[in-house]
Protein backbone atom coordinates (compact mmCIF):
# COMPACT_ATOMS: atom_id res chain seq x y z
CA MET A 1 -5.78 -4.00 -4.89
CA ASN A 2 -6.65 -0.58 -5.30
CA VAL A 3 -5.67 -1.17 -9.11
CA TYR A 4 -7.89 -4.21 -9.98
CA LEU A 5 -10.60 -2.90 -7.97
CA ASN A 6 -10.83 0.42 -10.07
CA HIS A 7 -10.15 -2.09 -13.27
CA LEU A 8 -13.24 -4.22 -12.23
CA ASN A 9 -15.30 -1.21 -11.28
CA LEU A 10 -14.12 0.08 -14.54
CA LEU A 11 -15.06 -2.94 -16.40
CA LEU A 12 -18.10 -4.02 -14.98
CA SER A 13 -19.60 -0.61 -12.92
CA PRO A 14 -20.80 -2.84 -9.88
CA ASP A 15 -23.25 -0.84 -7.16
CA LEU A 16 -20.70 -3.20 -4.53
CA ILE A 17 -16.99 -5.26 -4.48
CA LEU A 18 -17.77 -7.68 -2.30
CA ILE A 19 -13.84 -9.47 -0.44
CA GLY A 20 -14.81 -12.96 0.51
CA GLY A 21 -12.19 -15.81 0.52
CA GLY A 22 -8.75 -15.42 1.95
CA VAL A 23 -8.01 -11.85 2.15
CA SER A 24 -11.61 -10.73 4.40
CA LYS A 25 -9.06 -11.98 7.40
CA ASN A 26 -7.54 -9.07 7.49
CA PHE A 27 -9.90 -6.61 5.26
CA ASP A 28 -9.76 -4.37 8.37
CA LEU A 29 -6.29 -3.87 8.21
CA TYR A 30 -6.34 -2.40 4.79
CA SER A 31 -10.05 -1.29 4.03
CA LYS A 32 -9.17 2.10 4.92
CA TYR A 33 -6.04 2.22 2.68
CA LEU A 34 -8.77 1.39 -0.59
CA ASN A 35 -9.23 4.61 -3.08
CA VAL A 36 -12.16 2.61 -4.60
CA LYS A 37 -15.02 5.03 -6.26
CA VAL A 38 -17.95 2.15 -5.58
CA LYS A 39 -18.68 0.43 -1.86
CA VAL A 40 -16.05 -2.30 -1.33
CA GLU A 41 -17.28 -4.39 1.62
CA ASN A 42 -16.02 -7.65 3.77
CA ALA A 43 -18.38 -10.60 3.16
CA SER A 44 -20.36 -11.68 5.98
CA LEU A 45 -19.05 -15.06 5.71
CA LEU A 46 -14.97 -14.44 5.19
CA ASN A 47 -12.72 -17.25 4.71
CA ASP A 48 -15.70 -19.49 4.19
CA ALA A 49 -17.81 -17.64 1.43
CA GLY A 50 -15.89 -19.81 -1.19
CA ILE A 51 -16.28 -22.69 0.43
CA ILE A 52 -19.86 -22.34 0.37
CA GLY A 53 -20.16 -20.60 -3.07
CA ALA A 54 -18.64 -23.73 -4.61
CA ALA A 55 -21.18 -26.32 -2.93
CA MET A 56 -23.81 -23.96 -3.39
CA SER A 57 -22.78 -24.37 -7.30
CA THR A 58 -22.64 -27.91 -7.86
CA VAL A 59 -26.37 -28.48 -6.38
């Protein structure tokens, strides 16, 4: 996960990376092991974030 998030940071230079979907269910377990220069947070909608986003994109 660190390799992927650091690669995203290198390519996109975001201010924040939000983790959603199924990965967000256990975010508290592995968030302390993340070593990324950009702030990484859990999506407030957790697993429902992807479902809601997909539904909104069809409107």
